[in-house]
C-alpha atoms as a PDB file:
ATOM      1  CA  MET A   1      27.732 -10.144   9.370  1.00  0.00           C
ATOM      2  CA  SER A   2      30.094 -10.576   6.488  1.00  0.00           C
ATOM      3  CA  LEU A   3      30.543  -7.984   3.791  1.00  0.00           C
ATOM      4  CA  LYS A   4      29.046 -10.335   1.277  1.00  0.00           C
ATOM      5  CA  ASP A   5      26.045 -10.898   3.499  1.00  0.00           C
ATOM      6  CA  LYS A   6      25.788  -7.093   4.020  1.00  0.00           C
ATOM      7  CA  LYS A   7      25.771  -6.315   0.378  1.00  0.00           C
ATOM      8  CA  LEU A   8      23.197  -9.069  -0.210  1.00  0.00           C
ATOM      9  CA  ALA A   9      21.043  -7.637   2.599  1.00  0.00           C
ATOM     10  CA  TYR A  10      21.127  -4.140   1.014  1.00  0.00           C
ATOM     11  CA  ARG A  11      20.240  -5.629  -2.361  1.00  0.00           C
ATOM     12  CA  ILE A  12      17.166  -7.273  -1.085  1.00  0.00           C
ATOM     13  CA  TYR A  13      16.168  -4.053   0.823  1.00  0.00           C
ATOM     14  CA  LEU A  14      16.548  -2.119  -2.397  1.00  0.00           C
ATOM     15  CA  TYR A  15      14.432  -4.516  -4.391  1.00  0.00           C
ATOM     16  CA  LEU A  16      11.717  -4.652  -1.659  1.00  0.00           C
ATOM     17  CA  GLY A  17      11.720  -0.744  -1.747  1.00  0.00           C
ATOM     18  CA  ALA A  18      11.306  -0.763  -5.474  1.00  0.00           C
ATOM     19  CA  LEU A  19       8.307  -3.245  -5.226  1.00  0.00           C
ATOM     20  CA  PHE A  20       6.755  -1.115  -2.503  1.00  0.00           C
ATOM     21  CA  ILE A  21       7.181   2.273  -4.506  1.00  0.00           C
ATOM     22  CA  THR A  22       5.873   0.747  -7.652  1.00  0.00           C
ATOM     23  CA  SER A  23       2.845  -0.795  -6.048  1.00  0.00           C
ATOM     24  CA  LEU A  24       2.063   2.631  -4.396  1.00  0.00           C
ATOM     25  CA  VAL A  25       2.494   4.778  -7.443  1.00  0.00           C
ATOM     26  CA  VAL A  26       0.555   2.451  -9.685  1.00  0.00           C
ATOM     27  CA  SER A  27      -2.409   2.179  -7.219  1.00  0.00           C
ATOM     28  CA  ASN A  28      -2.714   6.014  -7.444  1.00  0.00           C
ATOM     29  CA  LEU A  29      -2.593   6.061 -11.255  1.00  0.00           C
ATOM     30  CA  ILE A  30      -5.201   3.360 -12.000  1.00  0.00           C
ATOM     31  CA  PHE A  31      -7.806   4.117  -9.167  1.00  0.00           C
ATOM     32  CA  GLN A  32     -10.444   5.471 -11.555  1.00  0.00           C
ATOM     33  CA  LYS A  33     -11.379   2.003 -12.931  1.00  0.00           C
ATOM     34  CA  PHE A  34     -13.813   0.099 -10.778  1.00  0.00           C
ATOM     35  CA  PHE A  35     -14.741  -3.562 -10.845  1.00  0.00           C
ATOM     36  CA  TYR A  36     -16.921  -6.016  -9.355  1.00  0.00           C
ATOM     37  CA  TRP A  37     -15.671  -9.119  -7.677  1.00  0.00           C
ATOM     38  CA  ASN A  38     -17.956 -10.998  -5.057  1.00  0.00           C
ATOM     39  CA  PRO A  39     -17.670 -14.545  -4.544  1.00  0.00           C
ATOM     40  CA  PHE A  40     -20.646 -14.329  -2.100  1.00  0.00           C
ATOM     41  CA  GLY A  41     -23.361 -13.561  -4.569  1.00  0.00           C
ATOM     42  CA  ASP A  42     -25.226 -10.282  -5.148  1.00  0.00           C
ATOM     43  CA  VAL A  43     -24.995  -8.564  -1.731  1.00  0.00           C
ATOM     44  CA  GLU A  44     -25.445  -4.797  -1.242  1.00  0.00           C
ATOM     45  CA  VAL A  45     -23.893  -2.836   1.629  1.00  0.00           C
ATOM     46  CA  PHE A  46     -25.250   0.708   2.087  1.00  0.00           C
ATOM     47  CA  GLY A  47     -26.414   0.733  -1.475  1.00  0.00           C
ATOM     48  CA  VAL A  48     -23.002  -0.447  -2.955  1.00  0.00           C
ATOM     49  CA  SER A  49     -22.580  -3.931  -4.174  1.00  0.00           C
ATOM     50  CA  LEU A  50     -20.132  -5.824  -1.966  1.00  0.00           C
ATOM     51  CA  PHE A  51     -16.637  -5.755  -3.423  1.00  0.00           C
ATOM     52  CA  GLU A  52     -17.584  -3.049  -5.869  1.00  0.00           C
ATOM     53  CA  ILE A  53     -14.076  -1.577  -5.623  1.00  0.00           C
ATOM     54  CA  SER A  54     -11.337   0.351  -7.454  1.00  0.00           C
ATOM     55  CA  VAL A  55      -8.650  -1.511  -9.265  1.00  0.00           C
ATOM     56  CA  GLY A  56      -6.250   0.717  -7.199  1.00  0.00           C
ATOM     57  CA  VAL A  57      -6.708  -1.592  -4.090  1.00  0.00           C
ATOM     58  CA  LEU A  58      -5.163  -4.498  -6.018  1.00  0.00           C
ATOM     59  CA  PRO A  59      -1.497  -3.559  -5.678  1.00  0.00           C
ATOM     60  CA  TYR A  60      -2.066  -1.549  -2.415  1.00  0.00           C
ATOM     61  CA  PRO A  61      -2.017  -4.623   0.020  1.00  0.00           C
ATOM     62  CA  ILE A  62       1.274  -5.456  -1.355  1.00  0.00           C
ATOM     63  CA  THR A  63       2.699  -2.295   0.253  1.00  0.00           C
ATOM     64  CA  PHE A  64       1.637  -3.505   3.778  1.00  0.00           C
ATOM     65  CA  LEU A  65       3.228  -7.013   3.211  1.00  0.00           C
ATOM     66  CA  ILE A  66       6.441  -5.382   2.282  1.00  0.00           C
ATOM     67  CA  THR A  67       6.476  -2.988   5.315  1.00  0.00           C
ATOM     68  CA  ASP A  68       5.644  -5.806   7.568  1.00  0.00           C
ATOM     69  CA  LEU A  69       8.518  -7.958   6.004  1.00  0.00           C
ATOM     70  CA  ILE A  70      11.041  -5.023   6.315  1.00  0.00           C
ATOM     71  CA  SER A  71       9.817  -4.296   9.836  1.00  0.00           C
ATOM     72  CA  GLU A  72      10.442  -7.792  10.839  1.00  0.00           C
ATOM     73  CA  ILE A  73      13.862  -8.258   9.200  1.00  0.00           C
ATOM     74  CA  TYR A  74      15.287  -4.810   8.955  1.00  0.00           C
ATOM     75  CA  GLY A  75      13.493  -2.947  11.880  1.00  0.00           C
ATOM     76  CA  LYS A  76      11.255  -0.045  12.367  1.00  0.00           C
ATOM     77  CA  LYS A  77      13.720   2.632  11.086  1.00  0.00           C
ATOM     78  CA  LYS A  78      14.174   1.072   7.753  1.00  0.00           C
ATOM     79  CA  ALA A  79      10.361   0.420   7.278  1.00  0.00           C
ATOM     80  CA  ASN A  80       9.589   4.155   7.907  1.00  0.00           C
ATOM     81  CA  GLU A  81      12.324   5.084   5.457  1.00  0.00           C
ATOM     82  CA  ILE A  82      10.631   3.132   2.816  1.00  0.00           C
ATOM     83  CA  VAL A  83       7.289   4.817   3.599  1.00  0.00           C
ATOM     84  CA  THR A  84       8.839   8.276   3.460  1.00  0.00           C
ATOM     85  CA  ALA A  85      10.424   7.322  -0.034  1.00  0.00           C
ATOM     86  CA  GLY A  86       6.956   6.369  -1.227  1.00  0.00           C
ATOM     87  CA  ILE A  87       5.612   9.661  -0.533  1.00  0.00           C
ATOM     88  CA  PHE A  88       8.226  11.260  -2.538  1.00  0.00           C
ATOM     89  CA  ALA A  89       7.771   9.021  -5.371  1.00  0.00           C
ATOM     90  CA  SER A  90       3.974   9.544  -5.473  1.00  0.00           C
ATOM     91  CA  PHE A  91       4.142  13.369  -5.503  1.00  0.00           C
ATOM     92  CA  PHE A  92       7.007  13.218  -8.056  1.00  0.00           C
ATOM     93  CA  SER A  93       4.966  11.070 -10.335  1.00  0.00           C
ATOM     94  CA  MET A  94       2.050  13.333 -10.087  1.00  0.00           C
ATOM     95  CA  GLY A  95       4.318  16.314 -11.071  1.00  0.00           C
ATOM     96  CA  ILE A  96       5.261  14.476 -14.216  1.00  0.00           C
ATOM     97  CA  ILE A  97       1.661  13.736 -15.173  1.00  0.00           C
ATOM     98  CA  LEU A  98       0.630  17.444 -14.513  1.00  0.00           C
ATOM     99  CA  VAL A  99       3.608  18.500 -16.910  1.00  0.00           C
ATOM    100  CA  ALA A 100       2.286  15.844 -19.426  1.00  0.00           C
ATOM    101  CA  ASP A 101      -1.137  16.943 -19.150  1.00  0.00           C
ATOM    102  CA  VAL A 102      -0.302  20.655 -20.009  1.00  0.00           C
ATOM    103  CA  ALA A 103       1.813  19.596 -23.142  1.00  0.00           C
ATOM    104  CA  PRO A 104      -0.450  19.858 -26.158  1.00  0.00           C
ATOM    105  CA  ALA A 105      -0.982  16.647 -28.099  1.00  0.00           C
ATOM    106  CA  ILE A 106      -0.179  16.582 -31.832  1.00  0.00           C
ATOM    107  CA  GLU A 107      -2.709  15.568 -34.434  1.00  0.00           C
ATOM    108  CA  SER A 108      -1.207  12.091 -34.990  1.00  0.00           C
ATOM    109  CA  SER A 109      -0.999  11.516 -31.240  1.00  0.00           C
ATOM    110  CA  PRO A 110      -2.803   8.031 -30.231  1.00  0.00           C
ATOM    111  CA  LEU A 111      -4.279  10.095 -27.295  1.00  0.00           C
ATOM    112  CA  SER A 112      -5.893  13.483 -27.600  1.00  0.00           C
ATOM    113  CA  ASN A 113      -5.582  16.131 -24.901  1.00  0.00           C
ATOM    114  CA  GLU A 114      -9.222  15.260 -23.928  1.00  0.00           C
ATOM    115  CA  ILE A 115      -8.690  11.659 -23.374  1.00  0.00           C
ATOM    116  CA  PHE A 116      -5.573  12.049 -21.696  1.00  0.00           C
ATOM    117  CA  SER A 117      -7.091  14.716 -19.202  1.00  0.00           C
ATOM    118  CA  GLN A 118     -10.131  12.347 -18.749  1.00  0.00           C
ATOM    119  CA  VAL A 119      -7.885   9.542 -17.541  1.00  0.00           C
ATOM    120  CA  PHE A 120      -5.473  11.479 -15.432  1.00  0.00           C
ATOM    121  CA  SER A 121      -7.130  14.756 -14.523  1.00  0.00           C
ATOM    122  CA  LEU A 122      -8.403  13.408 -11.170  1.00  0.00           C
ATOM    123  CA  SER A 123      -5.003  11.936 -10.243  1.00  0.00           C
ATOM    124  CA  PRO A 124      -3.718  14.980  -8.304  1.00  0.00           C
ATOM    125  CA  LEU A 125      -6.658  14.962  -6.051  1.00  0.00           C
ATOM    126  CA  ALA A 126      -6.604  11.123  -5.613  1.00  0.00           C
ATOM    127  CA  VAL A 127      -3.031  11.225  -4.812  1.00  0.00           C
ATOM    128  CA  LEU A 128      -3.572  13.944  -2.166  1.00  0.00           C
ATOM    129  CA  ALA A 129      -6.310  12.047  -0.601  1.00  0.00           C
ATOM    130  CA  SER A 130      -4.263   8.792  -0.959  1.00  0.00           C
ATOM    131  CA  MET A 131      -1.082  10.284   0.606  1.00  0.00           C
ATOM    132  CA  LEU A 132      -2.945  11.665   3.657  1.00  0.00           C
ATOM    133  CA  ALA A 133      -4.547   8.303   4.217  1.00  0.00           C
ATOM    134  CA  TYR A 134      -1.084   6.580   3.493  1.00  0.00           C
ATOM    135  CA  LEU A 135       0.712   8.626   5.911  1.00  0.00           C
ATOM    136  CA  ALA A 136      -1.761   7.660   8.615  1.00  0.00           C
ATOM    137  CA  ALA A 137      -2.134   3.990   7.781  1.00  0.00           C
ATOM    138  CA  GLN A 138       1.602   3.074   7.130  1.00  0.00           C
ATOM    139  CA  TYR A 139       3.048   4.767  10.074  1.00  0.00           C
ATOM    140  CA  ILE A 140       0.291   3.395  12.234  1.00  0.00           C
ATOM    141  CA  ASP A 141       0.822  -0.005  10.789  1.00  0.00           C
ATOM    142  CA  ILE A 142       4.652   0.041  11.529  1.00  0.00           C
ATOM    143  CA  ALA A 143       4.123   1.348  14.908  1.00  0.00           C
ATOM    144  CA  ILE A 144       1.466  -1.201  16.008  1.00  0.00           C
ATOM    145  CA  TYR A 145       3.531  -3.988  14.416  1.00  0.00           C
ATOM    146  CA  HIS A 146       6.645  -3.195  16.638  1.00  0.00           C
ATOM    147  CA  PHE A 147       4.348  -2.681  19.696  1.00  0.00           C
ATOM    148  CA  TRP A 148       3.254  -6.264  19.314  1.00  0.00           C
ATOM    149  CA  LYS A 149       6.585  -7.417  18.187  1.00  0.00           C
ATOM    150  CA  LYS A 150       8.029  -6.061  21.480  1.00  0.00           C
ATOM    151  CA  LEU A 151       5.134  -7.195  23.584  1.00  0.00           C
ATOM    152  CA  THR A 152       5.346 -10.946  22.338  1.00  0.00           C
ATOM    153  CA  LYS A 153       9.141 -10.855  22.366  1.00  0.00           C
ATOM    154  CA  GLY A 154       9.371 -11.497  18.625  1.00  0.00           C
ATOM    155  CA  LYS A 155       6.917 -14.442  18.637  1.00  0.00           C
ATOM    156  CA  HIS A 156       3.463 -15.036  17.113  1.00  0.00           C
ATOM    157  CA  LEU A 157       4.216 -13.281  13.639  1.00  0.00           C
ATOM    158  CA  TRP A 158       0.691 -13.946  12.573  1.00  0.00           C
ATOM    159  CA  LEU A 159      -0.643 -11.640  15.410  1.00  0.00           C
ATOM    160  CA  ARG A 160       1.270  -8.523  14.791  1.00  0.00           C
ATOM    161  CA  ASN A 161       0.947  -8.911  11.041  1.00  0.00           C
ATOM    162  CA  ASN A 162      -2.870  -9.192  11.123  1.00  0.00           C
ATOM    163  CA  PHE A 163      -3.726  -6.808  14.013  1.00  0.00           C
ATOM    164  CA  SER A 164      -1.402  -4.001  12.626  1.00  0.00           C
ATOM    165  CA  THR A 165      -2.819  -4.401   8.986  1.00  0.00           C
ATOM    166  CA  PHE A 166      -6.542  -4.656  10.002  1.00  0.00           C
ATOM    167  CA  LEU A 167      -6.403  -1.337  11.872  1.00  0.00           C
ATOM    168  CA  SER A 168      -4.218   0.360   9.438  1.00  0.00           C
ATOM    169  CA  GLN A 169      -6.218  -0.739   6.440  1.00  0.00           C
ATOM    170  CA  PHE A 170      -9.612   0.513   7.973  1.00  0.00           C
ATOM    171  CA  ILE A 171      -7.786   3.885   8.611  1.00  0.00           C
ATOM    172  CA  ASP A 172      -6.556   3.860   5.143  1.00  0.00           C
ATOM    173  CA  THR A 173      -9.902   2.962   3.419  1.00  0.00           C
ATOM    174  CA  PHE A 174     -12.039   5.396   5.636  1.00  0.00           C
ATOM    175  CA  VAL A 175      -9.641   8.416   5.155  1.00  0.00           C
ATOM    176  CA  VAL A 176      -9.129   8.013   1.468  1.00  0.00           C
ATOM    177  CA  VAL A 177     -12.757   7.391   0.509  1.00  0.00           C
ATOM    178  CA  GLY A 178     -13.761  10.238   2.756  1.00  0.00           C
ATOM    179  CA  LEU A 179     -11.349  12.653   1.124  1.00  0.00           C
ATOM    180  CA  LEU A 180     -12.392  11.610  -2.440  1.00  0.00           C
ATOM    181  CA  CYS A 181     -16.068  12.375  -1.318  1.00  0.00           C
ATOM    182  CA  ILE A 182     -14.941  15.782   0.247  1.00  0.00           C
ATOM    183  CA  PHE A 183     -13.097  16.623  -3.139  1.00  0.00           C
ATOM    184  CA  LYS A 184     -16.218  15.661  -5.002  1.00  0.00           C
ATOM    185  CA  VAL A 185     -14.356  12.917  -6.877  1.00  0.00           C
ATOM    186  CA  LEU A 186     -16.976  10.433  -5.478  1.00  0.00           C
ATOM    187  CA  PRO A 187     -20.664  11.007  -4.470  1.00  0.00           C
ATOM    188  CA  TRP A 188     -21.290  10.760  -0.685  1.00  0.00           C
ATOM    189  CA  HIS A 189     -24.007   8.332  -1.102  1.00  0.00           C
ATOM    190  CA  LEU A 190     -21.286   5.660  -1.899  1.00  0.00           C
ATOM    191  CA  PHE A 191     -19.115   6.524   1.035  1.00  0.00           C
ATOM    192  CA  PHE A 192     -20.184   3.828   3.603  1.00  0.00           C
ATOM    193  CA  GLY A 193     -20.672   1.051   0.972  1.00  0.00           C
ATOM    194  CA  LEU A 194     -17.211   1.767  -0.506  1.00  0.00           C
ATOM    195  CA  VAL A 195     -15.542   1.936   2.989  1.00  0.00           C
ATOM    196  CA  VAL A 196     -17.063  -1.509   3.835  1.00  0.00           C
ATOM    197  CA  SER A 197     -16.470  -3.016   0.598  1.00  0.00           C
ATOM    198  CA  GLY A 198     -12.913  -1.786   0.311  1.00  0.00           C
ATOM    199  CA  PHE A 199     -11.914  -2.834   3.895  1.00  0.00           C
ATOM    200  CA  LEU A 200     -13.480  -6.258   3.590  1.00  0.00           C
ATOM    201  CA  PHE A 201     -11.445  -6.800   0.510  1.00  0.00           C
ATOM    202  CA  LYS A 202      -8.115  -5.630   1.963  1.00  0.00           C
ATOM    203  CA  ILE A 203      -8.816  -7.888   5.094  1.00  0.00           C
ATOM    204  CA  PHE A 204      -9.416 -10.841   2.804  1.00  0.00           C
ATOM    205  CA  ILE A 205      -6.029 -10.215   1.148  1.00  0.00           C
ATOM    206  CA  ALA A 206      -4.440  -9.702   4.487  1.00  0.00           C
ATOM    207  CA  PHE A 207      -5.341 -13.118   5.572  1.00  0.00           C
ATOM    208  CA  LEU A 208      -3.741 -14.462   2.237  1.00  0.00           C
ATOM    209  CA  ASP A 209      -0.569 -12.571   2.705  1.00  0.00           C
ATOM    210  CA  THR A 210       0.121 -14.042   6.128  1.00  0.00           C
ATOM    211  CA  PRO A 211       1.460 -17.387   4.716  1.00  0.00           C
ATOM    212  CA  LEU A 212       3.613 -15.253   2.308  1.00  0.00           C
ATOM    213  CA  LEU A 213       5.081 -13.280   5.169  1.00  0.00           C
ATOM    214  CA  TYR A 214       5.977 -16.503   7.223  1.00  0.00           C
ATOM    215  CA  PHE A 215       7.552 -17.847   4.138  1.00  0.00           C
ATOM    216  CA  PHE A 216       9.584 -14.851   3.353  1.00  0.00           C
ATOM    217  CA  VAL A 217      10.693 -14.178   6.885  1.00  0.00           C
ATOM    218  CA  TYR A 218      11.590 -17.857   7.023  1.00  0.00           C
ATOM    219  CA  LEU A 219      13.905 -17.453   4.064  1.00  0.00           C
ATOM    220  CA  MET A 220      15.578 -14.405   5.313  1.00  0.00           C
ATOM    221  CA  ARG A 221      16.082 -15.658   8.807  1.00  0.00           C
ATOM    222  CA  LYS A 222      17.562 -19.005   7.347  1.00  0.00           C
ATOM    223  CA  ARG A 223      19.874 -17.095   4.983  1.00  0.00           C
ATOM    224  CA  PHE A 224      21.363 -14.625   7.401  1.00  0.00           C
ATOM    225  CA  GLY A 225      21.116 -16.768  10.507  1.00  0.00           C
ATOM    226  CA  LEU A 226      18.795 -14.651  12.433  1.00  0.00           C
ATOM    227  CA  LYS A 227      17.052 -15.730  15.763  1.00  0.00           C
ATOM    228  CA  ILE A 228      13.324 -14.945  16.537  1.00  0.00           C
ATOM    229  CA  GLY A 229      13.003 -11.198  16.877  1.00  0.00           C
ATOM    230  CA  GLU A 230      16.592 -10.478  15.763  1.00  0.00           C
ATOM    231  CA  GLU A 231      16.935  -7.755  12.966  1.00  0.00           C
ATOM    232  CA  LEU A 232      19.591  -6.972  10.411  1.00  0.00           C
ATOM    233  CA  LEU A 233      21.549  -3.917  11.035  1.00  0.00           C
ATOM    234  CA  LEU A 234      22.261  -2.124   7.756  1.00  0.00           C
ATOM    235  CA  GLU A 235      24.117   0.973   9.050  1.00  0.00           C
ATOM    236  CA  VAL A 236      27.744   1.177   8.381  1.00  0.00           C
END
């Protein structure tokens, strides 16, 4: 690979990492708002309306699309590096929020201390729950993805994309909702309904992102002349 191509590959990896970290941090900040989206009518699952979910799940599936793309083009090591960077960014953002919450608001502040605390006071607990779920889900997603990639010798991209995402998304949803109930952020009677609703929504999004993954992988392979199963090596 030429020096010019190597610089471009690094730049794309950097931008993908930025999108990944932004999606992850934002999902932790906005999780307290819930919305109702159900194209199938008024259906309840364990007492919770189907697709009655947190807005925090909207950017989160993007993280799995990005890790799958990085796994396919850059390899397992680079995908794990992005996941680790995301953990650091999330805890760092929570540290900033905690400091901001302690700082007293002036009288002319558009947001009072009470409103600011109401919006962000649960964020540290949410981030702890999210990060524990995130650790389990993302590393499992990458491991399963590369298991199927090796088994299929780089073929059947849709198979490893969906199989890895389905299991990891279930683990993520189950763990994060469970921990939020343990931390008393959410009541236990909503547990099963939120797990089913959140998981089904994420699976629906996973189906939608498969064509996008094919498209981006095609562009990357064409630009860098990669064969099926071949990866870019960014190490100097």
